[in-house]
Amino acid sequence: MAVFWNSIVSVFLAMLIGSLYTHLVGTLPSWYPIGGSTPVHGPGTSTTVAGMSWGMTIFMLLFITPFVMIGAGMILATVFMTVGHVEVSLRGHEASVFSGVGPIGWRRSFDPAKVTSILVRDSTYQVNGQPQTRIVLTADRDIKVGIFLSDTRRQWLAGVLRKLLLNP
């Protein structure tokens, strides 16, 4: 899905980059895929990417931004689901949860002595109308983790966390 989505968005992104380059730098290089001879037909106009007005360029920039963000999110989710990991570190009175790919990700710290419950709950994220489950550690603040884990791994991690954090 990410490849299909981004392949369509890339055509419009190439047009936008070509128009921005033309306005800010000058003539497009001959190797650019959407050069000065590629026509763009609009209502009452027949122009080229190189001749796209500033107004149309700014409109295209604003219009395409959410589509680029969705495509980037799909790529990140795909990478995280294939090679990402969840790591819980417990060191005395310090604890943290890391979610990411290699060294890139986000770490959330919490006080392990303040953990009052560890639940597996539905999240607001849905796939095909079905809510996805995640682990919620209730401590000094809620720590939510494991939405991309398989059900078996999520249940295992929740069980281990309960045994380590809730049993004296």
Protein backbone atom coordinates (compact mmCIF):
# COMPACT_ATOMS: atom_id res chain seq x y z
CA MET A 1 0.00 0.00 0.00
CA ALA A 2 2.85 2.40 0.86
CA VAL A 3 4.54 1.81 -2.51
CA PHE A 4 1.28 2.33 -4.43
CA TRP A 5 0.37 5.49 -2.46
CA ASN A 6 3.83 7.05 -2.72
CA SER A 7 4.19 6.24 -6.42
CA ILE A 8 1.09 8.31 -7.17
CA VAL A 9 2.11 11.14 -4.82
CA SER A 10 5.62 11.19 -6.34
CA VAL A 11 4.26 12.42 -9.70
CA PHE A 12 2.67 15.46 -8.07
CA LEU A 13 5.71 15.96 -5.86
CA ALA A 14 7.96 15.98 -8.94
CA MET A 15 5.73 18.64 -10.50
CA LEU A 16 5.87 20.72 -7.32
CA ILE A 17 9.65 20.44 -7.00
CA GLY A 18 10.04 21.34 -10.68
CA SER A 19 7.88 24.42 -10.29
CA LEU A 20 9.65 25.52 -7.09
CA TYR A 21 13.03 25.02 -8.77
CA THR A 22 11.91 27.09 -11.76
CA HIS A 23 10.68 29.93 -9.54
CA LEU A 24 13.64 29.96 -7.14
CA VAL A 25 16.65 28.84 -9.24
CA GLY A 26 15.89 29.03 -12.93
CA THR A 27 15.48 26.66 -15.87
CA LEU A 28 14.96 22.99 -15.09
CA PRO A 29 17.84 20.65 -15.99
CA SER A 30 17.27 18.51 -19.09
CA TRP A 31 17.42 15.29 -17.01
CA TYR A 32 14.51 16.32 -14.77
CA PRO A 33 11.61 13.87 -15.36
CA ILE A 34 8.95 16.56 -15.73
CA GLY A 35 10.71 19.17 -17.81
CA GLY A 36 9.65 22.32 -19.53
CA SER A 37 8.00 20.46 -22.40
CA THR A 38 5.56 18.44 -20.27
CA PRO A 39 2.16 20.12 -20.59
CA VAL A 40 -0.11 20.69 -17.61
CA HIS A 41 -3.70 21.36 -18.60
CA GLY A 42 -5.95 23.32 -16.29
CA PRO A 43 -9.21 25.21 -16.67
CA GLY A 44 -8.66 27.69 -19.48
CA THR A 45 -4.88 27.16 -19.58
CA SER A 46 -2.35 24.95 -21.28
CA THR A 47 1.05 25.55 -19.74
CA THR A 48 4.13 23.63 -18.63
CA VAL A 49 5.48 22.82 -15.18
CA ALA A 50 8.13 25.48 -15.74
CA GLY A 51 5.37 28.01 -16.40
CA MET A 52 3.21 27.17 -13.38
CA SER A 53 2.28 30.35 -11.50
CA TRP A 54 3.35 31.09 -7.92
CA GLY A 55 -0.28 30.82 -6.82
CA MET A 56 -0.70 27.37 -8.31
CA THR A 57 2.67 26.30 -6.87
CA ILE A 58 1.70 27.42 -3.36
CA PHE A 59 -1.71 25.78 -3.68
CA MET A 60 -0.05 22.54 -4.79
CA LEU A 61 2.39 22.73 -1.87
CA LEU A 62 -0.44 23.13 0.64
CA PHE A 63 -2.62 20.52 -1.05
CA ILE A 64 0.03 17.79 -1.35
CA THR A 65 1.54 18.15 2.15
CA PRO A 66 -1.01 15.88 3.94
CA PHE A 67 -0.62 13.23 1.23
CA VAL A 68 3.18 13.27 1.63
CA MET A 69 2.78 13.00 5.42
CA ILE A 70 0.44 10.01 5.07
CA GLY A 71 2.92 8.33 2.71
CA ALA A 72 5.81 8.96 5.12
CA GLY A 73 3.71 7.56 7.96
CA MET A 74 2.98 4.41 5.96
CA ILE A 75 6.68 3.92 5.24
CA LEU A 76 7.58 4.43 8.92
CA ALA A 77 4.85 2.03 10.07
CA THR A 78 6.03 -0.60 7.57
CA VAL A 79 9.64 -0.29 8.72
CA PHE A 80 8.65 -0.40 12.38
CA MET A 81 6.44 -3.46 11.91
CA THR A 82 9.16 -5.36 10.05
CA VAL A 83 12.37 -4.45 11.93
CA GLY A 84 11.23 -2.43 14.96
CA HIS A 85 11.45 -3.52 18.56
CA VAL A 86 10.12 -2.71 22.02
CA GLU A 87 12.55 -2.73 24.93
CA VAL A 88 11.72 -2.32 28.62
CA SER A 89 14.66 -1.45 30.88
CA LEU A 90 14.44 -1.80 34.66
CA ARG A 91 17.38 -0.49 36.71
CA GLY A 92 16.58 -0.17 40.39
CA HIS A 93 14.42 2.94 40.82
CA GLU A 94 14.58 3.85 37.13
CA ALA A 95 12.66 2.30 34.28
CA SER A 96 12.05 3.14 30.64
CA VAL A 97 10.29 1.83 27.57
CA PHE A 98 11.98 2.21 24.18
CA SER A 99 10.09 1.70 20.90
CA GLY A 100 11.92 2.11 17.62
CA VAL A 101 14.19 0.78 14.91
CA GLY A 102 17.82 0.36 15.93
CA PRO A 103 18.86 3.45 17.93
CA ILE A 104 16.12 5.63 16.37
CA GLY A 105 12.89 5.77 18.32
CA TRP A 106 11.34 7.21 21.43
CA ARG A 107 12.03 6.46 25.08
CA ARG A 108 9.56 7.05 27.90
CA SER A 109 10.77 6.95 31.48
CA PHE A 110 8.67 6.06 34.51
CA ASP A 111 9.07 5.23 38.19
CA PRO A 112 8.68 1.44 38.62
CA ALA A 113 7.70 1.85 42.29
CA LYS A 114 4.62 3.85 41.24
CA VAL A 115 3.21 1.24 38.83
CA THR A 116 -0.32 0.40 39.99
CA SER A 117 -1.63 -1.62 37.03
CA ILE A 118 -0.59 -3.18 33.75
CA LEU A 119 -3.50 -3.74 31.39
CA VAL A 120 -3.94 -4.85 27.80
CA ARG A 121 -6.50 -2.44 26.32
CA ASP A 122 -7.94 -1.42 22.97
CA SER A 123 -6.41 1.71 21.47
CA THR A 124 -8.05 4.37 19.32
CA TYR A 125 -6.01 3.08 16.34
CA GLN A 126 -8.11 0.77 14.15
CA VAL A 127 -7.36 -1.56 11.25
CA ASN A 128 -10.37 -2.56 9.13
CA GLY A 129 -12.71 -1.26 11.84
CA GLN A 130 -11.07 -3.38 14.55
CA PRO A 131 -9.34 -1.57 17.43
CA GLN A 132 -5.72 -2.54 17.98
CA THR A 133 -4.67 -3.54 21.47
CA ARG A 134 -1.72 -2.22 23.45
CA ILE A 135 -0.22 -2.46 26.92
CA VAL A 136 -0.97 0.41 29.31
CA LEU A 137 1.30 0.78 32.35
CA THR A 138 -0.33 3.03 34.94
CA ALA A 139 2.38 4.69 37.03
CA ASP A 140 3.14 8.35 37.68
CA ARG A 141 1.68 8.70 34.17
CA ASP A 142 0.25 6.25 31.62
CA ILE A 143 2.82 4.56 29.40
CA LYS A 144 1.31 2.98 26.27
CA VAL A 145 3.38 0.41 24.41
CA GLY A 146 3.19 -2.62 22.12
CA ILE A 147 0.57 -1.64 19.55
CA PHE A 148 2.67 -3.19 16.74
CA LEU A 149 3.46 -6.40 18.67
CA SER A 150 1.69 -9.65 17.85
CA ASP A 151 -0.98 -10.74 20.35
CA THR A 152 1.26 -13.51 21.70
CA ARG A 153 4.22 -11.16 22.27
CA ARG A 154 1.97 -8.48 23.75
CA GLN A 155 0.46 -10.94 26.26
CA TRP A 156 3.93 -12.28 27.12
CA LEU A 157 5.35 -8.79 27.70
CA ALA A 158 2.34 -7.78 29.83
CA GLY A 159 2.74 -10.96 31.92
CA VAL A 160 6.46 -10.39 32.47
CA LEU A 161 5.88 -6.74 33.39
CA ARG A 162 3.15 -7.74 35.88
CA LYS A 163 5.44 -10.31 37.49
CA LEU A 164 8.38 -7.88 37.76
CA LEU A 165 6.57 -4.66 38.67
CA LEU A 166 3.42 -5.65 40.57
CA ASN A 167 4.74 -8.54 42.71
CA PRO A 168 6.88 -7.46 45.67
